[in-house]
Amino acid sequence: MNPDLNDIVFSKGKFKFNVRAAGLLEHNQNYLISETTDPQADFVFIGGRVKFGESSQDTIQR
């Protein structure tokens, strides 16, 4: 996914750092996670890139 102009992303040479927020929702010992197509992981937490001026909670809800 390509960053949008409001995403907080830093680049230095060949390295890139994305500011991200993630959440783990639990209800009665059940957890909400998401499957991924990333070959290095089976599951990921919900969330995403943080936009300038956005709270972590707003990022996760978006």
N, C-alpha and C. Protein backbone atom coordinates (compact mmCIF):
# COMPACT_ATOMS: atom_id res chain seq x y z
N MET A 1 0.86 -1.18 0.00
CA MET A 1 0.00 0.00 0.00
C MET A 1 0.90 1.24 0.00
N ASN A 2 0.63 2.17 -0.86
CA ASN A 2 1.42 3.40 -0.95
C ASN A 2 0.93 4.40 0.10
N PRO A 3 1.88 5.11 0.73
CA PRO A 3 1.46 6.09 1.73
C PRO A 3 0.75 7.28 1.09
N ASP A 4 -0.18 7.83 1.81
CA ASP A 4 -0.85 9.05 1.38
C ASP A 4 -0.03 10.22 1.92
N LEU A 5 -0.20 11.40 1.39
CA LEU A 5 0.62 12.55 1.77
C LEU A 5 0.48 12.91 3.25
N ASN A 6 -0.60 12.53 3.90
CA ASN A 6 -0.79 12.83 5.32
C ASN A 6 -0.27 11.74 6.25
N ASP A 7 0.18 10.60 5.70
CA ASP A 7 0.75 9.53 6.53
C ASP A 7 2.10 9.98 7.07
N ILE A 8 2.42 9.57 8.29
CA ILE A 8 3.71 9.89 8.89
C ILE A 8 4.70 8.81 8.47
N VAL A 9 5.55 9.15 7.51
CA VAL A 9 6.54 8.22 6.95
C VAL A 9 7.87 8.95 6.85
N PHE A 10 8.93 8.30 7.31
CA PHE A 10 10.28 8.86 7.22
C PHE A 10 11.12 7.97 6.33
N SER A 11 11.91 8.57 5.44
CA SER A 11 12.82 7.81 4.60
C SER A 11 14.24 8.33 4.77
N LYS A 12 15.19 7.40 4.80
CA LYS A 12 16.60 7.77 4.84
C LYS A 12 17.35 6.73 4.01
N GLY A 13 17.78 7.16 2.85
CA GLY A 13 18.45 6.23 1.94
C GLY A 13 17.49 5.12 1.53
N LYS A 14 17.94 3.89 1.69
CA LYS A 14 17.09 2.75 1.29
C LYS A 14 16.12 2.32 2.39
N PHE A 15 16.15 2.99 3.54
CA PHE A 15 15.30 2.61 4.67
C PHE A 15 14.08 3.51 4.76
N LYS A 16 12.95 2.91 5.16
CA LYS A 16 11.70 3.64 5.35
C LYS A 16 11.10 3.26 6.68
N PHE A 17 10.59 4.25 7.42
CA PHE A 17 9.95 4.02 8.70
C PHE A 17 8.53 4.56 8.64
N ASN A 18 7.55 3.71 8.87
CA ASN A 18 6.14 4.09 8.90
C ASN A 18 5.68 4.15 10.35
N VAL A 19 5.08 5.26 10.76
CA VAL A 19 4.50 5.35 12.10
C VAL A 19 3.15 4.66 12.03
N ARG A 20 2.97 3.62 12.83
CA ARG A 20 1.75 2.82 12.79
C ARG A 20 1.16 2.68 14.18
N ALA A 21 -0.13 2.44 14.23
CA ALA A 21 -0.82 2.14 15.47
C ALA A 21 -1.55 0.81 15.27
N ALA A 22 -1.58 0.01 16.31
CA ALA A 22 -2.26 -1.28 16.23
C ALA A 22 -3.01 -1.53 17.53
N GLY A 23 -4.07 -2.29 17.43
CA GLY A 23 -4.88 -2.59 18.60
C GLY A 23 -5.21 -4.06 18.67
N LEU A 24 -5.45 -4.51 19.87
CA LEU A 24 -5.88 -5.88 20.11
C LEU A 24 -7.21 -5.81 20.85
N LEU A 25 -8.27 -6.24 20.21
CA LEU A 25 -9.59 -6.22 20.82
C LEU A 25 -9.87 -7.59 21.44
N GLU A 26 -10.31 -7.58 22.69
CA GLU A 26 -10.59 -8.81 23.41
C GLU A 26 -12.00 -8.75 23.99
N HIS A 27 -12.72 -9.85 23.87
CA HIS A 27 -14.05 -9.98 24.47
C HIS A 27 -14.22 -11.43 24.88
N ASN A 28 -14.40 -11.66 26.18
CA ASN A 28 -14.59 -13.02 26.71
C ASN A 28 -13.48 -13.98 26.26
N GLN A 29 -12.25 -13.53 26.34
CA GLN A 29 -11.07 -14.29 25.95
C GLN A 29 -11.04 -14.66 24.47
N ASN A 30 -11.76 -13.90 23.64
CA ASN A 30 -11.67 -14.02 22.19
C ASN A 30 -10.99 -12.75 21.68
N TYR A 31 -10.12 -12.89 20.66
CA TYR A 31 -9.33 -11.78 20.18
C TYR A 31 -9.58 -11.53 18.70
N LEU A 32 -9.64 -10.25 18.33
CA LEU A 32 -9.83 -9.88 16.93
C LEU A 32 -8.47 -9.62 16.31
N ILE A 33 -8.10 -10.46 15.33
CA ILE A 33 -6.88 -10.29 14.56
C ILE A 33 -7.23 -10.46 13.10
N SER A 34 -6.29 -10.20 12.22
CA SER A 34 -6.55 -10.28 10.79
C SER A 34 -5.53 -11.20 10.13
N GLU A 35 -5.98 -12.03 9.19
CA GLU A 35 -5.05 -12.83 8.41
C GLU A 35 -4.31 -11.89 7.46
N THR A 36 -3.14 -12.33 7.01
CA THR A 36 -2.34 -11.51 6.10
C THR A 36 -1.78 -12.36 4.97
N THR A 37 -1.45 -11.72 3.89
CA THR A 37 -0.79 -12.41 2.77
C THR A 37 0.73 -12.28 2.89
N ASP A 38 1.22 -11.59 3.93
CA ASP A 38 2.65 -11.43 4.16
C ASP A 38 3.25 -12.79 4.47
N PRO A 39 4.24 -13.23 3.70
CA PRO A 39 4.82 -14.56 3.93
C PRO A 39 5.59 -14.67 5.25
N GLN A 40 5.89 -13.55 5.90
CA GLN A 40 6.64 -13.59 7.16
C GLN A 40 5.72 -13.62 8.39
N ALA A 41 4.40 -13.56 8.18
CA ALA A 41 3.47 -13.56 9.31
C ALA A 41 2.18 -14.26 8.92
N ASP A 42 1.53 -14.88 9.88
CA ASP A 42 0.25 -15.52 9.63
C ASP A 42 -0.92 -14.59 9.96
N PHE A 43 -0.75 -13.79 11.02
CA PHE A 43 -1.80 -12.90 11.48
C PHE A 43 -1.19 -11.55 11.83
N VAL A 44 -2.02 -10.51 11.79
CA VAL A 44 -1.58 -9.17 12.19
C VAL A 44 -2.66 -8.54 13.05
N PHE A 45 -2.27 -7.54 13.84
CA PHE A 45 -3.23 -6.77 14.61
C PHE A 45 -3.89 -5.73 13.72
N ILE A 46 -5.11 -5.34 14.04
CA ILE A 46 -5.77 -4.30 13.26
C ILE A 46 -5.11 -2.95 13.53
N GLY A 47 -5.12 -2.11 12.54
CA GLY A 47 -4.51 -0.78 12.67
C GLY A 47 -3.99 -0.32 11.33
N GLY A 48 -3.05 0.61 11.35
CA GLY A 48 -2.49 1.11 10.11
C GLY A 48 -1.60 2.31 10.34
N ARG A 49 -1.24 2.96 9.24
CA ARG A 49 -0.37 4.13 9.30
C ARG A 49 -1.09 5.28 9.99
N VAL A 50 -0.34 6.00 10.83
CA VAL A 50 -0.88 7.16 11.53
C VAL A 50 -0.73 8.38 10.62
N LYS A 51 -1.78 9.19 10.56
CA LYS A 51 -1.75 10.43 9.79
C LYS A 51 -1.41 11.59 10.72
N PHE A 52 -0.81 12.65 10.18
CA PHE A 52 -0.49 13.83 10.98
C PHE A 52 -1.74 14.32 11.70
N GLY A 53 -1.62 14.58 13.00
CA GLY A 53 -2.71 15.11 13.80
C GLY A 53 -3.73 14.07 14.24
N GLU A 54 -3.49 12.80 13.97
CA GLU A 54 -4.45 11.74 14.28
C GLU A 54 -4.01 10.98 15.53
N SER A 55 -4.96 10.61 16.38
CA SER A 55 -4.62 9.82 17.56
C SER A 55 -4.51 8.35 17.18
N SER A 56 -3.88 7.57 18.05
CA SER A 56 -3.78 6.13 17.83
C SER A 56 -5.16 5.50 17.73
N GLN A 57 -6.07 5.92 18.62
CA GLN A 57 -7.43 5.37 18.60
C GLN A 57 -8.14 5.69 17.28
N ASP A 58 -7.99 6.91 16.77
CA ASP A 58 -8.60 7.27 15.48
C ASP A 58 -8.00 6.44 14.35
N THR A 59 -6.68 6.19 14.42
CA THR A 59 -6.03 5.37 13.38
C THR A 59 -6.62 3.97 13.36
N ILE A 60 -6.75 3.37 14.53
CA ILE A 60 -7.25 1.99 14.61
C ILE A 60 -8.71 1.94 14.16
N GLN A 61 -9.52 2.92 14.54
CA GLN A 61 -10.93 2.92 14.14
C GLN A 61 -11.08 3.12 12.64
N ARG A 62 -10.19 3.90 12.03
CA ARG A 62 -10.25 4.14 10.59
C ARG A 62 -9.96 2.86 9.85
